[in-house]
Protein backbone atom coordinates (compact mmCIF):
# COMPACT_ATOMS: atom_id res chain seq x y z
CA MET A 1 9.14 6.22 12.25
CA ASP A 2 8.12 9.81 11.57
CA ARG A 3 5.56 11.36 9.23
CA GLU A 4 8.17 12.05 6.55
CA GLU A 5 9.24 8.40 6.43
CA ILE A 6 5.62 7.26 6.32
CA GLY A 7 4.93 9.68 3.47
CA LEU A 8 7.95 8.45 1.51
CA ASN A 9 6.87 4.84 2.03
CA ALA A 10 3.35 5.74 0.92
CA GLY A 11 4.87 7.01 -2.33
CA ILE A 12 6.75 3.75 -2.80
CA VAL A 13 3.54 1.77 -2.27
CA TRP A 14 1.56 4.07 -4.58
CA ASN A 15 4.14 3.62 -7.36
CA ALA A 16 4.05 -0.17 -6.98
CA LEU A 17 0.26 -0.17 -7.17
CA ASN A 18 0.23 2.24 -10.11
CA GLU A 19 2.22 -0.30 -12.15
CA SER A 20 -0.14 -3.18 -11.37
CA GLU A 21 -3.78 -4.22 -11.41
CA GLY A 22 -3.74 -4.56 -7.62
CA LEU A 23 -1.51 -6.45 -5.25
CA THR A 24 -1.85 -8.57 -2.15
CA LEU A 25 -0.01 -7.57 1.01
CA LYS A 26 2.54 -10.30 0.30
CA GLY A 27 3.05 -8.94 -3.23
CA LEU A 28 3.43 -5.39 -1.95
CA LYS A 29 6.01 -6.48 0.62
CA LYS A 30 7.98 -8.33 -2.06
CA ILE A 31 7.98 -5.44 -4.52
CA THR A 32 8.50 -2.55 -2.08
CA LYS A 33 10.89 -4.35 0.31
CA LEU A 34 9.15 -2.57 3.22
CA LYS A 35 8.83 -4.13 6.66
CA ASP A 36 5.35 -4.91 8.01
CA LYS A 37 5.10 -1.76 10.15
CA GLN A 38 6.30 0.45 7.31
CA LEU A 39 3.86 -1.11 4.84
CA TYR A 40 0.87 -0.87 7.17
CA ALA A 41 1.63 2.76 8.05
CA ALA A 42 1.95 3.61 4.33
CA LEU A 43 -1.34 1.87 3.56
CA GLY A 44 -3.01 3.76 6.40
CA TRP A 45 -1.71 7.02 4.94
CA LEU A 46 -2.99 6.17 1.46
CA SER A 47 -6.30 4.93 2.83
CA ARG A 48 -6.83 8.12 4.82
CA GLU A 49 -6.28 10.10 1.62
CA ASP A 50 -8.78 7.87 -0.26
CA LYS A 51 -6.05 6.71 -2.64
CA VAL A 52 -6.47 2.94 -2.12
CA ALA A 53 -9.24 0.39 -1.84
CA ILE A 54 -8.54 -2.61 0.37
CA GLU A 55 -10.67 -5.74 0.26
CA GLU A 56 -10.35 -9.18 1.79
CA ILE A 57 -10.33 -12.07 -0.67
CA GLU A 58 -9.87 -15.64 0.52
CA GLY A 59 -8.18 -14.57 3.74
CA ASP A 60 -5.73 -12.18 2.07
CA LEU A 61 -5.97 -8.44 1.54
CA LEU A 62 -6.00 -7.09 -2.01
CA VAL A 63 -5.00 -3.46 -2.47
CA ASN A 64 -5.92 -1.36 -5.52
CA LEU A 65 -5.46 2.29 -6.34
CA ILE A 66 -8.62 4.36 -6.52
CA LYS A 67 -8.46 6.09 -9.88
CA TYR A 68 -10.84 8.94 -10.52
């Protein structure tokens, strides 16, 4: 997996989150059809850019876009 692929996957994740009020990891996987490694790398990319907020709720991770 190279930086270009991670960036493209980050765009897929961002689009999925932009059309929702936040998603769990399971929900993101279902919508984006990304594999675990691809999803986690994309979330790391978006997190590094301060584009997503990730919080743990009842043992699951909930991901939301940070909208300024």
